Amino acid sequence: MLQLQQLLRKYVGVDTITKLGEIPVDINVEESISAFQPVVSYSPNSPAAKAIEDIANRLLRLVEQDAVEQESALPAEARLED
């Protein structure tokens, strides 16, 4: 773990990363690759597709939260108005 932290610090400029989830082993992934389709299109109710959707939603919430925090840190005259 220490080596990963050193690489993150050196190349990304951060000490930690947030784990957003795990994608389970799922035969639908292999089948979707053979069909040249994303698993979320090929088999949207499969465990892998659901996990990918959950991860995407978590990432979206983090990005939105970060945007709100960054905007609130701006001086009032620099903030975007709704």
Protein backbone atom coordinates (compact mmCIF):
# COMPACT_ATOMS: atom_id res chain seq x y z
CA MET A 1 0.00 0.00 0.00
CA LEU A 2 2.85 2.36 0.75
CA GLN A 3 4.18 1.94 -2.81
CA LEU A 4 0.76 2.81 -4.25
CA GLN A 5 0.63 5.96 -2.10
CA GLN A 6 4.10 6.94 -3.31
CA LEU A 7 3.07 6.47 -6.95
CA LEU A 8 -0.13 8.43 -6.42
CA ARG A 9 1.78 11.29 -4.82
CA LYS A 10 4.44 11.28 -7.56
CA TYR A 11 2.25 11.00 -10.66
CA VAL A 12 -1.20 12.22 -9.62
CA GLY A 13 -0.38 14.60 -6.80
CA VAL A 14 -2.63 12.94 -4.22
CA ASP A 15 -2.03 10.55 -1.33
CA THR A 16 -5.28 8.60 -1.44
CA ILE A 17 -7.99 7.58 -3.83
CA THR A 18 -11.64 6.88 -3.20
CA LYS A 19 -12.87 3.40 -4.01
CA LEU A 20 -16.15 3.83 -5.83
CA GLY A 21 -17.10 0.16 -5.98
CA GLU A 22 -16.32 -3.21 -7.49
CA ILE A 23 -17.45 -4.81 -10.70
CA PRO A 24 -18.18 -8.49 -10.14
CA VAL A 25 -17.11 -11.30 -12.44
CA ASP A 26 -20.03 -11.69 -14.80
CA ILE A 27 -20.37 -13.83 -17.94
CA ASN A 28 -22.38 -11.01 -19.49
CA VAL A 29 -19.20 -8.93 -19.75
CA GLU A 30 -17.53 -11.57 -21.93
CA GLU A 31 -20.69 -11.96 -24.02
CA SER A 32 -21.03 -8.19 -24.48
CA ILE A 33 -17.42 -7.98 -25.66
CA SER A 34 -18.07 -10.73 -28.21
CA ALA A 35 -21.16 -8.79 -29.33
CA PHE A 36 -19.14 -5.53 -29.54
CA GLN A 37 -21.51 -3.83 -27.11
CA PRO A 38 -21.06 -2.24 -23.69
CA VAL A 39 -22.33 -4.57 -20.99
CA VAL A 40 -24.70 -1.84 -19.78
CA SER A 41 -26.43 -1.98 -23.18
CA TYR A 42 -26.08 -5.70 -23.81
CA SER A 43 -27.38 -6.82 -20.44
CA PRO A 44 -28.53 -3.79 -18.40
CA ASN A 45 -29.85 -5.89 -15.49
CA SER A 46 -26.70 -7.97 -15.12
CA PRO A 47 -24.63 -7.71 -11.93
CA ALA A 48 -21.75 -6.03 -13.79
CA ALA A 49 -23.99 -3.48 -15.48
CA LYS A 50 -25.67 -2.61 -12.19
CA ALA A 51 -22.26 -2.23 -10.51
CA ILE A 52 -21.03 0.05 -13.30
CA GLU A 53 -24.18 2.17 -12.97
CA ASP A 54 -23.69 2.43 -9.20
CA ILE A 55 -20.06 3.48 -9.68
CA ALA A 56 -21.04 6.08 -12.29
CA ASN A 57 -23.68 7.51 -9.95
CA ARG A 58 -21.20 7.70 -7.06
CA LEU A 59 -18.67 9.44 -9.30
CA LEU A 60 -21.29 11.90 -10.53
CA ARG A 61 -22.25 12.77 -6.93
CA LEU A 62 -18.58 13.33 -6.04
CA VAL A 63 -18.06 15.59 -9.06
CA GLU A 64 -21.21 17.58 -8.29
CA GLN A 65 -20.20 17.91 -4.63
CA ASP A 66 -16.72 19.08 -5.63
CA ALA A 67 -18.18 21.67 -8.02
CA VAL A 68 -20.43 23.05 -5.28
CA GLU A 69 -17.51 23.21 -2.84
CA GLN A 70 -15.28 24.96 -5.38
CA GLU A 71 -17.95 27.50 -6.27
CA SER A 72 -18.67 28.26 -2.62
CA ALA A 73 -14.98 28.98 -2.14
CA LEU A 74 -15.06 31.66 -4.85
CA PRO A 75 -15.60 35.31 -3.98
CA ALA A 76 -19.28 36.25 -4.30
CA GLU A 77 -18.71 38.33 -7.45
CA ALA A 78 -17.10 35.36 -9.23
CA ARG A 79 -19.90 32.86 -8.51
CA LEU A 80 -22.30 31.73 -11.21
CA GLU A 81 -25.86 32.80 -10.67
CA ASP A 82 -28.80 30.44 -11.28
